Amino acid sequence: MVKYFEHITVTYYFNAGGGLRYLRDVIRYADELSFFANSMGYEIVLSIDHYTHAVFRGGRRIYP
């Protein structure tokens, strides 16, 4: 887990695993998802971002 000013990023690493049902609720509330295949020695890398508050730049809302 990495904490930034406006969001928290959690990264999960998998090697051909099934039964990932426990991630369903985590993914449901995610603001952004990123999937990577065959990265850093793992078959699947899942990065999930949760924004802690709205971010405005130049008077425009950019996140979430």
PDB file of N, CA and C in Angstrom:
ATOM      1  N   MET A   1       0.853  -1.163   0.000  1.00  0.00           N
ATOM      2  CA  MET A   1       0.000   0.000   0.000  1.00  0.00           C
ATOM      3  C   MET A   1       0.903   1.231   0.000  1.00  0.00           C
ATOM      4  N   VAL A   2       0.527   2.191  -0.849  1.00  0.00           N
ATOM      5  CA  VAL A   2       1.255   3.447  -0.930  1.00  0.00           C
ATOM      6  C   VAL A   2       0.250   4.571  -0.723  1.00  0.00           C
ATOM      7  N   LYS A   3       0.553   5.492   0.192  1.00  0.00           N
ATOM      8  CA  LYS A   3      -0.336   6.619   0.461  1.00  0.00           C
ATOM      9  C   LYS A   3       0.201   7.855  -0.243  1.00  0.00           C
ATOM     10  N   TYR A   4      -0.654   8.468  -1.043  1.00  0.00           N
ATOM     11  CA  TYR A   4      -0.351   9.723  -1.708  1.00  0.00           C
ATOM     12  C   TYR A   4      -1.218  10.813  -1.089  1.00  0.00           C
ATOM     13  N   PHE A   5      -1.032  12.036  -1.508  1.00  0.00           N
ATOM     14  CA  PHE A   5      -1.821  13.150  -0.974  1.00  0.00           C
ATOM     15  C   PHE A   5      -3.312  12.964  -1.228  1.00  0.00           C
ATOM     16  N   GLU A   6      -3.676  12.553  -2.459  1.00  0.00           N
ATOM     17  CA  GLU A   6      -5.087  12.483  -2.829  1.00  0.00           C
ATOM     18  C   GLU A   6      -5.655  11.081  -2.934  1.00  0.00           C
ATOM     19  N   HIS A   7      -4.809  10.043  -2.866  1.00  0.00           N
ATOM     20  CA  HIS A   7      -5.326   8.686  -2.996  1.00  0.00           C
ATOM     21  C   HIS A   7      -4.403   7.664  -2.347  1.00  0.00           C
ATOM     22  N   ILE A   8      -4.936   6.458  -2.243  1.00  0.00           N
ATOM     23  CA  ILE A   8      -4.198   5.311  -1.731  1.00  0.00           C
ATOM     24  C   ILE A   8      -4.150   4.269  -2.837  1.00  0.00           C
ATOM     25  N   THR A   9      -2.983   3.704  -3.070  1.00  0.00           N
ATOM     26  CA  THR A   9      -2.823   2.665  -4.081  1.00  0.00           C
ATOM     27  C   THR A   9      -2.457   1.351  -3.397  1.00  0.00           C
ATOM     28  N   VAL A  10      -3.192   0.299  -3.749  1.00  0.00           N
ATOM     29  CA  VAL A  10      -2.911  -1.042  -3.245  1.00  0.00           C
ATOM     30  C   VAL A  10      -2.617  -1.918  -4.456  1.00  0.00           C
ATOM     31  N   THR A  11      -1.537  -2.688  -4.387  1.00  0.00           N
ATOM     32  CA  THR A  11      -1.147  -3.540  -5.509  1.00  0.00           C
ATOM     33  C   THR A  11      -1.153  -4.994  -5.056  1.00  0.00           C
ATOM     34  N   TYR A  12      -1.812  -5.854  -5.842  1.00  0.00           N
ATOM     35  CA  TYR A  12      -1.885  -7.291  -5.584  1.00  0.00           C
ATOM     36  C   TYR A  12      -1.097  -8.018  -6.669  1.00  0.00           C
ATOM     37  N   TYR A  13      -0.348  -9.039  -6.280  1.00  0.00           N
ATOM     38  CA  TYR A  13       0.462  -9.824  -7.201  1.00  0.00           C
ATOM     39  C   TYR A  13      -0.036 -11.266  -7.175  1.00  0.00           C
ATOM     40  N   PHE A  14      -0.267 -11.853  -8.369  1.00  0.00           N
ATOM     41  CA  PHE A  14      -0.810 -13.208  -8.465  1.00  0.00           C
ATOM     42  C   PHE A  14      -0.003 -14.051  -9.437  1.00  0.00           C
ATOM     43  N   ASN A  15       0.061 -15.333  -9.157  1.00  0.00           N
ATOM     44  CA  ASN A  15       0.626 -16.315 -10.073  1.00  0.00           C
ATOM     45  C   ASN A  15      -0.435 -17.380 -10.326  1.00  0.00           C
ATOM     46  N   ALA A  16      -1.193 -17.236 -11.397  1.00  0.00           N
ATOM     47  CA  ALA A  16      -2.186 -18.216 -11.842  1.00  0.00           C
ATOM     48  C   ALA A  16      -3.075 -18.688 -10.703  1.00  0.00           C
ATOM     49  N   GLY A  17      -3.663 -17.774  -9.999  1.00  0.00           N
ATOM     50  CA  GLY A  17      -4.548 -18.135  -8.889  1.00  0.00           C
ATOM     51  C   GLY A  17      -6.002 -18.044  -9.292  1.00  0.00           C
ATOM     52  N   GLY A  18      -6.774 -18.968  -8.798  1.00  0.00           N
ATOM     53  CA  GLY A  18      -8.210 -18.915  -9.012  1.00  0.00           C
ATOM     54  C   GLY A  18      -8.902 -18.557  -7.720  1.00  0.00           C
ATOM     55  N   GLY A  19     -10.191 -18.389  -7.781  1.00  0.00           N
ATOM     56  CA  GLY A  19     -10.958 -18.113  -6.571  1.00  0.00           C
ATOM     57  C   GLY A  19     -10.626 -16.785  -5.928  1.00  0.00           C
ATOM     58  N   LEU A  20     -10.624 -15.738  -6.704  1.00  0.00           N
ATOM     59  CA  LEU A  20     -10.302 -14.419  -6.183  1.00  0.00           C
ATOM     60  C   LEU A  20     -11.565 -13.671  -5.754  1.00  0.00           C
ATOM     61  N   ARG A  21     -12.545 -14.398  -5.290  1.00  0.00           N
ATOM     62  CA  ARG A  21     -13.831 -13.817  -4.905  1.00  0.00           C
ATOM     63  C   ARG A  21     -13.690 -12.763  -3.811  1.00  0.00           C
ATOM     64  N   TYR A  22     -12.705 -12.941  -2.933  1.00  0.00           N
ATOM     65  CA  TYR A  22     -12.529 -12.008  -1.828  1.00  0.00           C
ATOM     66  C   TYR A  22     -12.186 -10.593  -2.306  1.00  0.00           C
ATOM     67  N   LEU A  23     -11.701 -10.453  -3.533  1.00  0.00           N
ATOM     68  CA  LEU A  23     -11.379  -9.133  -4.078  1.00  0.00           C
ATOM     69  C   LEU A  23     -12.603  -8.408  -4.647  1.00  0.00           C
ATOM     70  N   ARG A  24     -13.708  -9.094  -4.773  1.00  0.00           N
ATOM     71  CA  ARG A  24     -14.897  -8.511  -5.396  1.00  0.00           C
ATOM     72  C   ARG A  24     -15.320  -7.207  -4.722  1.00  0.00           C
ATOM     73  N   ASP A  25     -15.430  -7.198  -3.410  1.00  0.00           N
ATOM     74  CA  ASP A  25     -15.855  -5.985  -2.708  1.00  0.00           C
ATOM     75  C   ASP A  25     -14.806  -4.885  -2.776  1.00  0.00           C
ATOM     76  N   VAL A  26     -13.547  -5.248  -2.757  1.00  0.00           N
ATOM     77  CA  VAL A  26     -12.485  -4.253  -2.869  1.00  0.00           C
ATOM     78  C   VAL A  26     -12.546  -3.582  -4.239  1.00  0.00           C
ATOM     79  N   ILE A  27     -12.714  -4.371  -5.283  1.00  0.00           N
ATOM     80  CA  ILE A  27     -12.776  -3.842  -6.642  1.00  0.00           C
ATOM     81  C   ILE A  27     -14.034  -3.004  -6.847  1.00  0.00           C
ATOM     82  N   ARG A  28     -15.125  -3.398  -6.248  1.00  0.00           N
ATOM     83  CA  ARG A  28     -16.394  -2.682  -6.407  1.00  0.00           C
ATOM     84  C   ARG A  28     -16.268  -1.217  -5.995  1.00  0.00           C
ATOM     85  N   TYR A  29     -15.496  -0.924  -4.981  1.00  0.00           N
ATOM     86  CA  TYR A  29     -15.375   0.442  -4.468  1.00  0.00           C
ATOM     87  C   TYR A  29     -14.134   1.182  -4.972  1.00  0.00           C
ATOM     88  N   ALA A  30     -13.418   0.589  -5.914  1.00  0.00           N
ATOM     89  CA  ALA A  30     -12.213   1.223  -6.448  1.00  0.00           C
ATOM     90  C   ALA A  30     -12.574   2.381  -7.366  1.00  0.00           C
ATOM     91  N   ASP A  31     -11.745   3.412  -7.354  1.00  0.00           N
ATOM     92  CA  ASP A  31     -11.918   4.530  -8.266  1.00  0.00           C
ATOM     93  C   ASP A  31     -11.192   4.277  -9.582  1.00  0.00           C
ATOM     94  N   GLU A  32     -10.081   3.562  -9.535  1.00  0.00           N
ATOM     95  CA  GLU A  32      -9.335   3.208 -10.736  1.00  0.00           C
ATOM     96  C   GLU A  32      -8.739   1.813 -10.571  1.00  0.00           C
ATOM     97  N   LEU A  33      -8.712   1.058 -11.663  1.00  0.00           N
ATOM     98  CA  LEU A  33      -8.100  -0.271 -11.695  1.00  0.00           C
ATOM     99  C   LEU A  33      -7.078  -0.326 -12.817  1.00  0.00           C
ATOM    100  N   SER A  34      -5.970  -1.001 -12.568  1.00  0.00           N
ATOM    101  CA  SER A  34      -4.972  -1.236 -13.608  1.00  0.00           C
ATOM    102  C   SER A  34      -4.548  -2.693 -13.522  1.00  0.00           C
ATOM    103  N   PHE A  35      -4.546  -3.372 -14.667  1.00  0.00           N
ATOM    104  CA  PHE A  35      -4.108  -4.759 -14.749  1.00  0.00           C
ATOM    105  C   PHE A  35      -2.859  -4.831 -15.607  1.00  0.00           C
ATOM    106  N   PHE A  36      -1.916  -5.650 -15.166  1.00  0.00           N
ATOM    107  CA  PHE A  36      -0.696  -5.873 -15.928  1.00  0.00           C
ATOM    108  C   PHE A  36      -0.457  -7.370 -16.003  1.00  0.00           C
ATOM    109  N   ALA A  37      -0.065  -7.854 -17.155  1.00  0.00           N
ATOM    110  CA  ALA A  37       0.215  -9.282 -17.342  1.00  0.00           C
ATOM    111  C   ALA A  37       1.717  -9.490 -17.466  1.00  0.00           C
ATOM    112  N   ASN A  38       2.180 -10.577 -16.872  1.00  0.00           N
ATOM    113  CA  ASN A  38       3.598 -10.955 -16.933  1.00  0.00           C
ATOM    114  C   ASN A  38       4.507  -9.781 -16.571  1.00  0.00           C
ATOM    115  N   SER A  39       4.285  -9.239 -15.399  1.00  0.00           N
ATOM    116  CA  SER A  39       5.051  -8.091 -14.932  1.00  0.00           C
ATOM    117  C   SER A  39       5.759  -8.423 -13.632  1.00  0.00           C
ATOM    118  N   MET A  40       7.012  -8.027 -13.507  1.00  0.00           N
ATOM    119  CA  MET A  40       7.804  -8.191 -12.282  1.00  0.00           C
ATOM    120  C   MET A  40       7.837  -9.631 -11.798  1.00  0.00           C
ATOM    121  N   GLY A  41       7.792 -10.594 -12.711  1.00  0.00           N
ATOM    122  CA  GLY A  41       7.865 -12.002 -12.353  1.00  0.00           C
ATOM    123  C   GLY A  41       6.544 -12.625 -11.942  1.00  0.00           C
ATOM    124  N   TYR A  42       5.451 -11.893 -12.011  1.00  0.00           N
ATOM    125  CA  TYR A  42       4.120 -12.400 -11.667  1.00  0.00           C
ATOM    126  C   TYR A  42       3.266 -12.475 -12.926  1.00  0.00           C
ATOM    127  N   GLU A  43       2.312 -13.398 -12.934  1.00  0.00           N
ATOM    128  CA  GLU A  43       1.432 -13.535 -14.086  1.00  0.00           C
ATOM    129  C   GLU A  43       0.420 -12.397 -14.164  1.00  0.00           C
ATOM    130  N   ILE A  44      -0.086 -11.953 -13.013  1.00  0.00           N
ATOM    131  CA  ILE A  44      -1.064 -10.872 -12.977  1.00  0.00           C
ATOM    132  C   ILE A  44      -0.685  -9.890 -11.874  1.00  0.00           C
ATOM    133  N   VAL A  45      -0.701  -8.605 -12.196  1.00  0.00           N
ATOM    134  CA  VAL A  45      -0.507  -7.557 -11.207  1.00  0.00           C
ATOM    135  C   VAL A  45      -1.734  -6.655 -11.288  1.00  0.00           C
ATOM    136  N   LEU A  46      -2.407  -6.449 -10.161  1.00  0.00           N
ATOM    137  CA  LEU A  46      -3.619  -5.638 -10.084  1.00  0.00           C
ATOM    138  C   LEU A  46      -3.333  -4.457  -9.170  1.00  0.00           C
ATOM    139  N   SER A  47      -3.477  -3.250  -9.708  1.00  0.00           N
ATOM    140  CA  SER A  47      -3.256  -2.035  -8.936  1.00  0.00           C
ATOM    141  C   SER A  47      -4.601  -1.323  -8.785  1.00  0.00           C
ATOM    142  N   ILE A  48      -4.978  -1.020  -7.534  1.00  0.00           N
ATOM    143  CA  ILE A  48      -6.277  -0.421  -7.230  1.00  0.00           C
ATOM    144  C   ILE A  48      -6.053   0.920  -6.550  1.00  0.00           C
ATOM    145  N   ASP A  49      -6.708   1.966  -7.060  1.00  0.00           N
ATOM    146  CA  ASP A  49      -6.614   3.298  -6.464  1.00  0.00           C
ATOM    147  C   ASP A  49      -7.939   3.680  -5.832  1.00  0.00           C
ATOM    148  N   HIS A  50      -7.865   4.208  -4.611  1.00  0.00           N
ATOM    149  CA  HIS A  50      -9.020   4.749  -3.903  1.00  0.00           C
ATOM    150  C   HIS A  50      -8.699   6.201  -3.577  1.00  0.00           C
ATOM    151  N   TYR A  51      -9.502   7.130  -4.115  1.00  0.00           N
ATOM    152  CA  TYR A  51      -9.269   8.547  -3.853  1.00  0.00           C
ATOM    153  C   TYR A  51      -9.888   8.941  -2.526  1.00  0.00           C
ATOM    154  N   THR A  52      -9.120   9.657  -1.719  1.00  0.00           N
ATOM    155  CA  THR A  52      -9.559  10.031  -0.380  1.00  0.00           C
ATOM    156  C   THR A  52     -10.363  11.324  -0.368  1.00  0.00           C
ATOM    157  N   HIS A  53     -10.192  12.138  -1.394  1.00  0.00           N
ATOM    158  CA  HIS A  53     -10.952  13.380  -1.504  1.00  0.00           C
ATOM    159  C   HIS A  53     -10.865  13.875  -2.942  1.00  0.00           C
ATOM    160  N   ALA A  54     -11.744  14.805  -3.289  1.00  0.00           N
ATOM    161  CA  ALA A  54     -11.761  15.366  -4.645  1.00  0.00           C
ATOM    162  C   ALA A  54     -10.531  16.249  -4.843  1.00  0.00           C
ATOM    163  N   VAL A  55      -9.993  16.217  -6.064  1.00  0.00           N
ATOM    164  CA  VAL A  55      -8.835  17.028  -6.414  1.00  0.00           C
ATOM    165  C   VAL A  55      -9.249  17.985  -7.526  1.00  0.00           C
ATOM    166  N   PHE A  56      -8.991  19.269  -7.296  1.00  0.00           N
ATOM    167  CA  PHE A  56      -9.321  20.309  -8.275  1.00  0.00           C
ATOM    168  C   PHE A  56      -8.038  20.969  -8.745  1.00  0.00           C
ATOM    169  N   ARG A  57      -7.971  21.231 -10.046  1.00  0.00           N
ATOM    170  CA  ARG A  57      -6.857  21.987 -10.622  1.00  0.00           C
ATOM    171  C   ARG A  57      -7.432  22.981 -11.610  1.00  0.00           C
ATOM    172  N   GLY A  58      -7.084  24.232 -11.428  1.00  0.00           N
ATOM    173  CA  GLY A  58      -7.594  25.272 -12.325  1.00  0.00           C
ATOM    174  C   GLY A  58      -9.102  25.407 -12.254  1.00  0.00           C
ATOM    175  N   GLY A  59      -9.689  25.105 -11.089  1.00  0.00           N
ATOM    176  CA  GLY A  59     -11.140  25.197 -10.930  1.00  0.00           C
ATOM    177  C   GLY A  59     -11.907  24.023 -11.496  1.00  0.00           C
ATOM    178  N   ARG A  60     -11.211  23.021 -12.036  1.00  0.00           N
ATOM    179  CA  ARG A  60     -11.866  21.830 -12.596  1.00  0.00           C
ATOM    180  C   ARG A  60     -11.573  20.614 -11.734  1.00  0.00           C
ATOM    181  N   ARG A  61     -12.584  19.798 -11.542  1.00  0.00           N
ATOM    182  CA  ARG A  61     -12.401  18.566 -10.773  1.00  0.00           C
ATOM    183  C   ARG A  61     -11.757  17.521 -11.677  1.00  0.00           C
ATOM    184  N   ILE A  62     -10.615  16.980 -11.221  1.00  0.00           N
ATOM    185  CA  ILE A  62      -9.940  15.971 -12.043  1.00  0.00           C
ATOM    186  C   ILE A  62      -9.975  14.583 -11.426  1.00  0.00           C
ATOM    187  N   TYR A  63     -10.090  14.487 -10.107  1.00  0.00           N
ATOM    188  CA  TYR A  63     -10.199  13.202  -9.439  1.00  0.00           C
ATOM    189  C   TYR A  63     -11.268  13.281  -8.384  1.00  0.00           C
ATOM    190  N   PRO A  64     -11.871  12.248  -8.002  1.00  0.00           N
ATOM    191  CA  PRO A  64     -12.370  11.102  -8.737  1.00  0.00           C
ATOM    192  C   PRO A  64     -13.503  11.474  -9.657  1.00  0.00           C
TER     193      PRO A  64
END
